[in-house]
Each structure stands twice: as structure tokens, then as C-alpha cells.
Amino acid sequence: MTEHPYQAFLREALPASAAQPEWIEADGALPALYLSHGAPPLLESQRWMGELFGWAGSLPKPRNVLIVSAHWEAAPLAVSQPAAGTPLIYDFAGFDPLYHRMRYATPDATQLADRVVAILSHTRSSQGASSESARSTSDVYRHPRRGLDHGAWVPLMTMYPAADVPVLQLSLPTQDPERLLEIGRRLRPLRDEGTLIIGSGFMTHGLPFLTYEQFTGREPEPSWSRDFDA
């Protein structure tokens, strides 16, 4: 049986990840990152995995990761189950069954969950923010069963393949930019505490509208995707 590309990736990535220096206060604030995640078969792309792992390795290994995925739109704000070994959500279909057997058992993230809830609960309107914007962060729901969806675990399995960084997922409670910016302002101090904040989505999303030939690169991408890039 042919070895899966992710297994080949792990042989080199795991030792390198183990040697990655951990974040210390002297490193300063970690960045807020937006990345374009794809479907689980991205774990078959050595180029994609290599580039994303290399970028993650250029930073200190964070104490925690707080990730917002476009696949979890829920209001009011909610955080995922923070317990060690949080289960994965297999929110996709039509791919190799092996992707439904993958695991990513990260450490307990309860401390981060408590911090996020404290930051985002009972907020007051800051200068320039409306009262409605402040209300959007007034309650944070702790979801007792929510795991990590593929918008979180696909890139994180590549960035931190040893699953040795606590991960917490935060819901996307609105598409109102003003409200989202207010949430971002509230979360900003976490970056000074060694938490890497990630927004995970896709600039265009249309797998159902792609032909197999377009998906595999045998034909040009559709015009709506080219127009967006232009």
C-alpha cells in the first residue's frame, strides 16, 4: 500500500516541531493570522504542508491557539470543548474514509477558555463602538460537546503535528465588520500572553461548482474564481 503523503510529512515534521523553541514573554506579541484552509485532501499536498509548517516554525511555538473557523457560525459567541483530547468534527463528505479516522488530541485548553470568556463577557462599548456592538460580546456560551471542525484541525495538524499545543475554537457570531472588530480588540491582549490567534476560512468556496478536471488542475479554474483573484 502506498504511504499517505501526510505520513511522509510527519517523519520530518515531528522532530523539527519538537525542537521548536517555545514562546517566552521576551518574544513579544504573537501575530494574528488569517489562513486559507481547504478540504482534508490538502494533507496530500507536500508543497502546502511544507510551506505552512515552515511558516509556523519561523515563530516560537505558542502557548495556546485560539482559532475561528468559517465553518462555525453561531451566535451568541461560543467556545469549543476545552478538555484534553477534544474530538474532531468531520464536517465533510465525498473524500477518502481515512479522513474520518484522523485524530488530533490536543492538551487541555480550559485555562484559555476561562481567559477568553472573561475577556469577552460583560463588555462595555469602547469609544466608537455602538452599544449593539458591545452586546454582541456580552455572553459567551461554553459548548459542552463541540469539537474542532476541519477548518481548525486540517491546518493545525500541519502547523503543530505533535498536537502539543492547547487549542480552543471560537465561533463566528456575526458578519457585521464593526462587531467583529470589537471582538478582535477584546482578544488583542491574548497575543501578548503567547496565544496565536488564527482566522481560518477561504477567499472563495465553491467545491460543488468545480468539475473534476478543474479541481485536479487539468482545466483552468472557473471564471468566478479568476475574477475574484483579479
C-alpha atoms as a PDB file:
ATOM      1  CA  MET A   1       0.000   0.000   0.000  1.00  0.00           C
ATOM      2  CA  THR A   2       1.321   3.432  -0.933  1.00  0.00           C
ATOM      3  CA  GLU A   3       2.223   5.627   2.022  1.00  0.00           C
ATOM      4  CA  HIS A   4      -0.090   8.596   2.541  1.00  0.00           C
ATOM      5  CA  PRO A   5       1.722  11.933   1.982  1.00  0.00           C
ATOM      6  CA  TYR A   6       0.824  13.087   5.499  1.00  0.00           C
ATOM      7  CA  GLN A   7       2.697  10.146   6.992  1.00  0.00           C
ATOM      8  CA  ALA A   8       5.753  11.049   4.951  1.00  0.00           C
ATOM      9  CA  PHE A   9       5.381  14.660   6.119  1.00  0.00           C
ATOM     10  CA  LEU A  10       5.267  13.575   9.764  1.00  0.00           C
ATOM     11  CA  ARG A  11       8.616  11.783   9.588  1.00  0.00           C
ATOM     12  CA  GLU A  12      10.450  15.071   9.092  1.00  0.00           C
ATOM     13  CA  ALA A  13       7.981  17.432  10.731  1.00  0.00           C
ATOM     14  CA  LEU A  14       7.713  15.768  14.153  1.00  0.00           C
ATOM     15  CA  PRO A  15      11.409  16.040  15.067  1.00  0.00           C
ATOM     16  CA  ALA A  16      11.535  19.622  13.797  1.00  0.00           C
ATOM     17  CA  SER A  17       8.409  20.545  15.762  1.00  0.00           C
ATOM     18  CA  ALA A  18       9.851  19.009  18.940  1.00  0.00           C
ATOM     19  CA  ALA A  19      12.919  21.232  18.549  1.00  0.00           C
ATOM     20  CA  GLN A  20      10.899  24.420  18.005  1.00  0.00           C
ATOM     21  CA  PRO A  21      11.544  26.908  20.847  1.00  0.00           C
ATOM     22  CA  GLU A  22       8.511  27.700  22.954  1.00  0.00           C
ATOM     23  CA  TRP A  23       7.189  31.249  23.295  1.00  0.00           C
ATOM     24  CA  ILE A  24       8.512  33.323  26.176  1.00  0.00           C
ATOM     25  CA  GLU A  25       7.439  36.783  27.242  1.00  0.00           C
ATOM     26  CA  ALA A  26      10.569  38.343  25.780  1.00  0.00           C
ATOM     27  CA  ASP A  27       9.394  37.241  22.306  1.00  0.00           C
ATOM     28  CA  GLY A  28       6.632  39.846  22.416  1.00  0.00           C
ATOM     29  CA  ALA A  29       3.199  39.609  20.864  1.00  0.00           C
ATOM     30  CA  LEU A  30       2.441  36.754  18.511  1.00  0.00           C
ATOM     31  CA  PRO A  31       0.742  37.727  15.252  1.00  0.00           C
ATOM     32  CA  ALA A  32      -2.928  37.430  14.403  1.00  0.00           C
ATOM     33  CA  LEU A  33      -3.033  35.166  11.369  1.00  0.00           C
ATOM     34  CA  TYR A  34      -5.529  34.621   8.586  1.00  0.00           C
ATOM     35  CA  LEU A  35      -5.041  31.462   6.576  1.00  0.00           C
ATOM     36  CA  SER A  36      -6.963  29.889   3.768  1.00  0.00           C
ATOM     37  CA  HIS A  37      -7.763  26.314   4.720  1.00  0.00           C
ATOM     38  CA  GLY A  38      -9.018  23.778   2.266  1.00  0.00           C
ATOM     39  CA  ALA A  39     -10.613  20.360   2.375  1.00  0.00           C
ATOM     40  CA  PRO A  40      -8.859  17.469   4.150  1.00  0.00           C
ATOM     41  CA  PRO A  41      -7.115  16.317   0.919  1.00  0.00           C
ATOM     42  CA  LEU A  42      -4.788  19.283   1.417  1.00  0.00           C
ATOM     43  CA  LEU A  43      -2.985  16.817   3.682  1.00  0.00           C
ATOM     44  CA  GLU A  44      -1.914  15.130   0.449  1.00  0.00           C
ATOM     45  CA  SER A  45      -0.051  18.234  -0.766  1.00  0.00           C
ATOM     46  CA  GLN A  46       3.587  18.153   0.274  1.00  0.00           C
ATOM     47  CA  ARG A  47       4.036  21.697  -1.013  1.00  0.00           C
ATOM     48  CA  TRP A  48       1.153  23.125   1.030  1.00  0.00           C
ATOM     49  CA  MET A  49       2.137  21.241   4.160  1.00  0.00           C
ATOM     50  CA  GLY A  50       5.783  22.197   3.776  1.00  0.00           C
ATOM     51  CA  GLU A  51       5.085  25.891   3.308  1.00  0.00           C
ATOM     52  CA  LEU A  52       2.613  26.136   6.201  1.00  0.00           C
ATOM     53  CA  PHE A  53       4.815  24.103   8.537  1.00  0.00           C
ATOM     54  CA  GLY A  54       7.827  26.194   7.601  1.00  0.00           C
ATOM     55  CA  TRP A  55       5.963  29.400   8.366  1.00  0.00           C
ATOM     56  CA  ALA A  56       4.754  28.085  11.728  1.00  0.00           C
ATOM     57  CA  GLY A  57       8.290  27.004  12.544  1.00  0.00           C
ATOM     58  CA  SER A  58       9.609  30.505  11.927  1.00  0.00           C
ATOM     59  CA  LEU A  59       7.731  31.627  15.045  1.00  0.00           C
ATOM     60  CA  PRO A  60       8.108  30.494  18.647  1.00  0.00           C
ATOM     61  CA  LYS A  61       5.727  27.655  19.450  1.00  0.00           C
ATOM     62  CA  PRO A  62       2.689  29.345  21.054  1.00  0.00           C
ATOM     63  CA  ARG A  63       1.369  28.523  24.496  1.00  0.00           C
ATOM     64  CA  ASN A  64      -2.128  28.252  23.047  1.00  0.00           C
ATOM     65  CA  VAL A  65      -4.005  28.609  19.779  1.00  0.00           C
ATOM     66  CA  LEU A  66      -7.347  30.384  19.526  1.00  0.00           C
ATOM     67  CA  ILE A  67      -8.888  29.688  16.139  1.00  0.00           C
ATOM     68  CA  VAL A  68     -12.019  30.995  14.422  1.00  0.00           C
ATOM     69  CA  SER A  69     -13.238  28.856  11.533  1.00  0.00           C
ATOM     70  CA  ALA A  70     -15.690  29.923   8.862  1.00  0.00           C
ATOM     71  CA  HIS A  71     -17.362  26.535   9.388  1.00  0.00           C
ATOM     72  CA  TRP A  72     -18.760  27.512  12.786  1.00  0.00           C
ATOM     73  CA  GLU A  73     -21.158  30.421  12.567  1.00  0.00           C
ATOM     74  CA  ALA A  74     -23.008  30.658  15.876  1.00  0.00           C
ATOM     75  CA  ALA A  75     -24.437  33.491  17.928  1.00  0.00           C
ATOM     76  CA  PRO A  76     -24.055  34.309  20.729  1.00  0.00           C
ATOM     77  CA  LEU A  77     -20.323  33.777  20.905  1.00  0.00           C
ATOM     78  CA  ALA A  78     -19.374  30.227  21.818  1.00  0.00           C
ATOM     79  CA  VAL A  79     -16.170  28.372  22.643  1.00  0.00           C
ATOM     80  CA  SER A  80     -15.486  24.730  21.934  1.00  0.00           C
ATOM     81  CA  GLN A  81     -14.991  21.988  24.486  1.00  0.00           C
ATOM     82  CA  PRO A  82     -11.558  22.711  26.005  1.00  0.00           C
ATOM     83  CA  ALA A  83     -10.892  19.326  27.611  1.00  0.00           C
ATOM     84  CA  ALA A  84      -7.813  17.337  26.640  1.00  0.00           C
ATOM     85  CA  GLY A  85      -8.394  15.176  23.587  1.00  0.00           C
ATOM     86  CA  THR A  86     -11.252  17.312  22.273  1.00  0.00           C
ATOM     87  CA  PRO A  87     -12.937  15.295  19.482  1.00  0.00           C
ATOM     88  CA  LEU A  88     -12.821  16.326  15.852  1.00  0.00           C
ATOM     89  CA  ILE A  89     -15.828  17.187  13.709  1.00  0.00           C
ATOM     90  CA  TYR A  90     -15.835  15.502  10.310  1.00  0.00           C
ATOM     91  CA  ASP A  91     -17.970  18.123   8.574  1.00  0.00           C
ATOM     92  CA  PHE A  92     -17.378  16.969   5.002  1.00  0.00           C
ATOM     93  CA  ALA A  93     -18.240  14.150   2.652  1.00  0.00           C
ATOM     94  CA  GLY A  94     -17.037  12.589  -0.554  1.00  0.00           C
ATOM     95  CA  PHE A  95     -13.381  12.131   0.433  1.00  0.00           C
ATOM     96  CA  ASP A  96     -11.313   9.096   1.355  1.00  0.00           C
ATOM     97  CA  PRO A  97     -12.737   7.458   4.534  1.00  0.00           C
ATOM     98  CA  LEU A  98      -9.318   7.739   6.178  1.00  0.00           C
ATOM     99  CA  TYR A  99     -10.034  11.434   6.850  1.00  0.00           C
ATOM    100  CA  HIS A 100     -12.889  10.368   9.122  1.00  0.00           C
ATOM    101  CA  ARG A 101     -10.424   8.286  11.138  1.00  0.00           C
ATOM    102  CA  MET A 102      -7.883  11.029  11.743  1.00  0.00           C
ATOM    103  CA  ARG A 103      -7.331  12.235  15.290  1.00  0.00           C
ATOM    104  CA  TYR A 104      -5.748  15.368  16.781  1.00  0.00           C
ATOM    105  CA  ALA A 105      -5.821  15.017  20.554  1.00  0.00           C
ATOM    106  CA  THR A 106      -4.621  18.393  21.826  1.00  0.00           C
ATOM    107  CA  PRO A 107      -3.901  19.226  25.509  1.00  0.00           C
ATOM    108  CA  ASP A 108      -6.420  20.764  27.896  1.00  0.00           C
ATOM    109  CA  ALA A 109      -7.318  24.361  26.981  1.00  0.00           C
ATOM    110  CA  THR A 110      -9.510  25.172  29.991  1.00  0.00           C
ATOM    111  CA  GLN A 111      -7.227  27.979  31.125  1.00  0.00           C
ATOM    112  CA  LEU A 112      -7.508  29.656  27.725  1.00  0.00           C
ATOM    113  CA  ALA A 113     -11.283  29.125  27.689  1.00  0.00           C
ATOM    114  CA  ASP A 114     -11.596  30.833  31.070  1.00  0.00           C
ATOM    115  CA  ARG A 115      -9.477  33.725  29.827  1.00  0.00           C
ATOM    116  CA  VAL A 116     -11.488  34.152  26.614  1.00  0.00           C
ATOM    117  CA  VAL A 117     -14.802  34.062  28.461  1.00  0.00           C
ATOM    118  CA  ALA A 118     -13.538  36.636  30.955  1.00  0.00           C
ATOM    119  CA  ILE A 119     -12.353  38.946  28.162  1.00  0.00           C
ATOM    120  CA  LEU A 120     -15.482  38.715  26.055  1.00  0.00           C
ATOM    121  CA  SER A 121     -18.165  38.625  28.754  1.00  0.00           C
ATOM    122  CA  HIS A 122     -19.808  41.736  30.190  1.00  0.00           C
ATOM    123  CA  THR A 123     -18.062  44.056  27.776  1.00  0.00           C
ATOM    124  CA  ARG A 124     -18.808  47.725  27.602  1.00  0.00           C
ATOM    125  CA  SER A 125     -18.929  49.802  24.492  1.00  0.00           C
ATOM    126  CA  SER A 126     -15.491  51.228  23.751  1.00  0.00           C
ATOM    127  CA  GLN A 127     -15.026  54.596  22.110  1.00  0.00           C
ATOM    128  CA  GLY A 128     -16.510  54.478  18.648  1.00  0.00           C
ATOM    129  CA  ALA A 129     -18.303  51.168  19.232  1.00  0.00           C
ATOM    130  CA  SER A 130     -22.072  51.091  19.371  1.00  0.00           C
ATOM    131  CA  SER A 131     -24.000  49.563  22.265  1.00  0.00           C
ATOM    132  CA  GLU A 132     -25.265  46.935  19.834  1.00  0.00           C
ATOM    133  CA  SER A 133     -21.652  46.050  19.041  1.00  0.00           C
ATOM    134  CA  ALA A 134     -20.878  45.713  22.728  1.00  0.00           C
ATOM    135  CA  ARG A 135     -23.888  43.452  23.235  1.00  0.00           C
ATOM    136  CA  SER A 136     -22.530  41.120  20.581  1.00  0.00           C
ATOM    137  CA  THR A 137     -19.798  40.125  23.046  1.00  0.00           C
ATOM    138  CA  SER A 138     -21.893  40.216  26.219  1.00  0.00           C
ATOM    139  CA  ASP A 139     -22.415  36.456  26.518  1.00  0.00           C
ATOM    140  CA  VAL A 140     -20.102  33.582  25.733  1.00  0.00           C
ATOM    141  CA  TYR A 141     -21.564  30.092  25.575  1.00  0.00           C
ATOM    142  CA  ARG A 142     -19.371  27.183  26.630  1.00  0.00           C
ATOM    143  CA  HIS A 143     -20.302  24.388  24.242  1.00  0.00           C
ATOM    144  CA  PRO A 144     -20.061  21.072  26.119  1.00  0.00           C
ATOM    145  CA  ARG A 145     -19.716  18.833  23.046  1.00  0.00           C
ATOM    146  CA  ARG A 146     -18.291  20.991  20.274  1.00  0.00           C
ATOM    147  CA  GLY A 147     -15.007  19.703  18.857  1.00  0.00           C
ATOM    148  CA  LEU A 148     -12.674  21.156  16.246  1.00  0.00           C
ATOM    149  CA  ASP A 149     -14.043  21.328  12.701  1.00  0.00           C
ATOM    150  CA  HIS A 150     -11.889  20.740   9.636  1.00  0.00           C
ATOM    151  CA  GLY A 151     -11.261  24.472   9.264  1.00  0.00           C
ATOM    152  CA  ALA A 152      -9.296  24.150  12.500  1.00  0.00           C
ATOM    153  CA  TRP A 153      -7.738  20.685  12.534  1.00  0.00           C
ATOM    154  CA  VAL A 154      -6.576  20.455   8.912  1.00  0.00           C
ATOM    155  CA  PRO A 155      -4.175  23.430   9.141  1.00  0.00           C
ATOM    156  CA  LEU A 156      -3.235  22.769  12.779  1.00  0.00           C
ATOM    157  CA  MET A 157      -2.270  19.155  12.067  1.00  0.00           C
ATOM    158  CA  THR A 158       0.246  20.669   9.679  1.00  0.00           C
ATOM    159  CA  MET A 159       1.423  23.594  11.817  1.00  0.00           C
ATOM    160  CA  TYR A 160       1.764  21.655  15.085  1.00  0.00           C
ATOM    161  CA  PRO A 161       1.695  17.983  14.077  1.00  0.00           C
ATOM    162  CA  ALA A 162       2.549  16.650  17.549  1.00  0.00           C
ATOM    163  CA  ALA A 163      -0.770  18.042  18.877  1.00  0.00           C
ATOM    164  CA  ASP A 164       1.191  19.502  21.788  1.00  0.00           C
ATOM    165  CA  VAL A 165      -0.391  22.982  21.812  1.00  0.00           C
ATOM    166  CA  PRO A 166      -3.755  23.583  23.559  1.00  0.00           C
ATOM    167  CA  VAL A 167      -6.392  24.648  21.019  1.00  0.00           C
ATOM    168  CA  LEU A 168      -9.672  26.445  21.567  1.00  0.00           C
ATOM    169  CA  GLN A 169     -12.153  27.235  18.807  1.00  0.00           C
ATOM    170  CA  LEU A 170     -14.282  30.371  18.894  1.00  0.00           C
ATOM    171  CA  SER A 171     -17.488  30.719  16.896  1.00  0.00           C
ATOM    172  CA  LEU A 172     -18.035  33.379  14.247  1.00  0.00           C
ATOM    173  CA  PRO A 173     -21.112  35.101  15.709  1.00  0.00           C
ATOM    174  CA  THR A 174     -21.818  37.713  13.043  1.00  0.00           C
ATOM    175  CA  GLN A 175     -20.769  39.033   9.655  1.00  0.00           C
ATOM    176  CA  ASP A 176     -21.019  42.642  10.844  1.00  0.00           C
ATOM    177  CA  PRO A 177     -17.469  44.047  10.487  1.00  0.00           C
ATOM    178  CA  GLU A 178     -17.924  46.513  13.359  1.00  0.00           C
ATOM    179  CA  ARG A 179     -18.887  43.743  15.764  1.00  0.00           C
ATOM    180  CA  LEU A 180     -16.053  41.528  14.602  1.00  0.00           C
ATOM    181  CA  LEU A 181     -13.526  44.327  15.041  1.00  0.00           C
ATOM    182  CA  GLU A 182     -14.779  44.859  18.576  1.00  0.00           C
ATOM    183  CA  ILE A 183     -14.266  41.165  19.328  1.00  0.00           C
ATOM    184  CA  GLY A 184     -10.779  41.424  17.866  1.00  0.00           C
ATOM    185  CA  ARG A 185      -9.955  44.403  20.059  1.00  0.00           C
ATOM    186  CA  ARG A 186     -11.026  42.444  23.111  1.00  0.00           C
ATOM    187  CA  LEU A 187      -8.901  39.459  22.159  1.00  0.00           C
ATOM    188  CA  ARG A 188      -5.785  41.516  21.393  1.00  0.00           C
ATOM    189  CA  PRO A 189      -4.157  41.060  24.861  1.00  0.00           C
ATOM    190  CA  LEU A 190      -4.006  37.300  24.335  1.00  0.00           C
ATOM    191  CA  ARG A 191      -1.277  37.792  21.752  1.00  0.00           C
ATOM    192  CA  ASP A 192       0.949  39.304  24.445  1.00  0.00           C
ATOM    193  CA  GLU A 193       0.379  36.178  26.542  1.00  0.00           C
ATOM    194  CA  GLY A 194       1.648  33.683  23.979  1.00  0.00           C
ATOM    195  CA  THR A 195      -1.626  32.856  22.248  1.00  0.00           C
ATOM    196  CA  LEU A 196      -1.626  32.599  18.463  1.00  0.00           C
ATOM    197  CA  ILE A 197      -4.952  33.877  17.101  1.00  0.00           C
ATOM    198  CA  ILE A 198      -5.982  32.386  13.763  1.00  0.00           C
ATOM    199  CA  GLY A 199      -8.845  33.199  11.439  1.00  0.00           C
ATOM    200  CA  SER A 200      -9.398  30.229   9.131  1.00  0.00           C
ATOM    201  CA  GLY A 201     -11.542  30.400   6.019  1.00  0.00           C
ATOM    202  CA  PHE A 202     -11.324  30.554   2.259  1.00  0.00           C
ATOM    203  CA  MET A 203     -11.387  33.535  -0.061  1.00  0.00           C
ATOM    204  CA  THR A 204     -13.761  31.737  -2.423  1.00  0.00           C
ATOM    205  CA  HIS A 205     -15.571  28.498  -1.672  1.00  0.00           C
ATOM    206  CA  GLY A 206     -17.257  26.503  -4.386  1.00  0.00           C
ATOM    207  CA  LEU A 207     -16.292  22.835  -4.480  1.00  0.00           C
ATOM    208  CA  PRO A 208     -19.805  21.844  -5.651  1.00  0.00           C
ATOM    209  CA  PHE A 209     -19.353  24.126  -8.663  1.00  0.00           C
ATOM    210  CA  LEU A 210     -15.987  22.732  -9.790  1.00  0.00           C
ATOM    211  CA  THR A 211     -15.575  19.969 -12.312  1.00  0.00           C
ATOM    212  CA  TYR A 212     -13.149  17.167 -11.518  1.00  0.00           C
ATOM    213  CA  GLU A 213     -10.821  18.451 -14.233  1.00  0.00           C
ATOM    214  CA  GLN A 214     -10.788  21.930 -12.685  1.00  0.00           C
ATOM    215  CA  PHE A 215     -10.292  20.537  -9.207  1.00  0.00           C
ATOM    216  CA  THR A 216      -7.288  18.488 -10.324  1.00  0.00           C
ATOM    217  CA  GLY A 217      -5.788  21.334 -12.380  1.00  0.00           C
ATOM    218  CA  ARG A 218      -6.332  19.678 -15.733  1.00  0.00           C
ATOM    219  CA  GLU A 219      -8.579  22.531 -16.837  1.00  0.00           C
ATOM    220  CA  PRO A 220      -8.445  26.257 -15.951  1.00  0.00           C
ATOM    221  CA  GLU A 221     -10.221  27.361 -12.796  1.00  0.00           C
ATOM    222  CA  PRO A 222     -13.745  28.809 -13.323  1.00  0.00           C
ATOM    223  CA  SER A 223     -14.169  32.453 -14.271  1.00  0.00           C
ATOM    224  CA  TRP A 224     -15.756  33.432 -10.935  1.00  0.00           C
ATOM    225  CA  SER A 225     -12.580  32.363  -9.144  1.00  0.00           C
ATOM    226  CA  ARG A 226     -10.295  34.078 -11.654  1.00  0.00           C
ATOM    227  CA  ASP A 227     -12.372  37.264 -11.441  1.00  0.00           C
ATOM    228  CA  PHE A 228     -12.082  37.289  -7.657  1.00  0.00           C
ATOM    229  CA  ASP A 229      -8.291  36.911  -7.820  1.00  0.00           C
ATOM    230  CA  ALA A 230      -8.071  39.706 -10.385  1.00  0.00           C
END
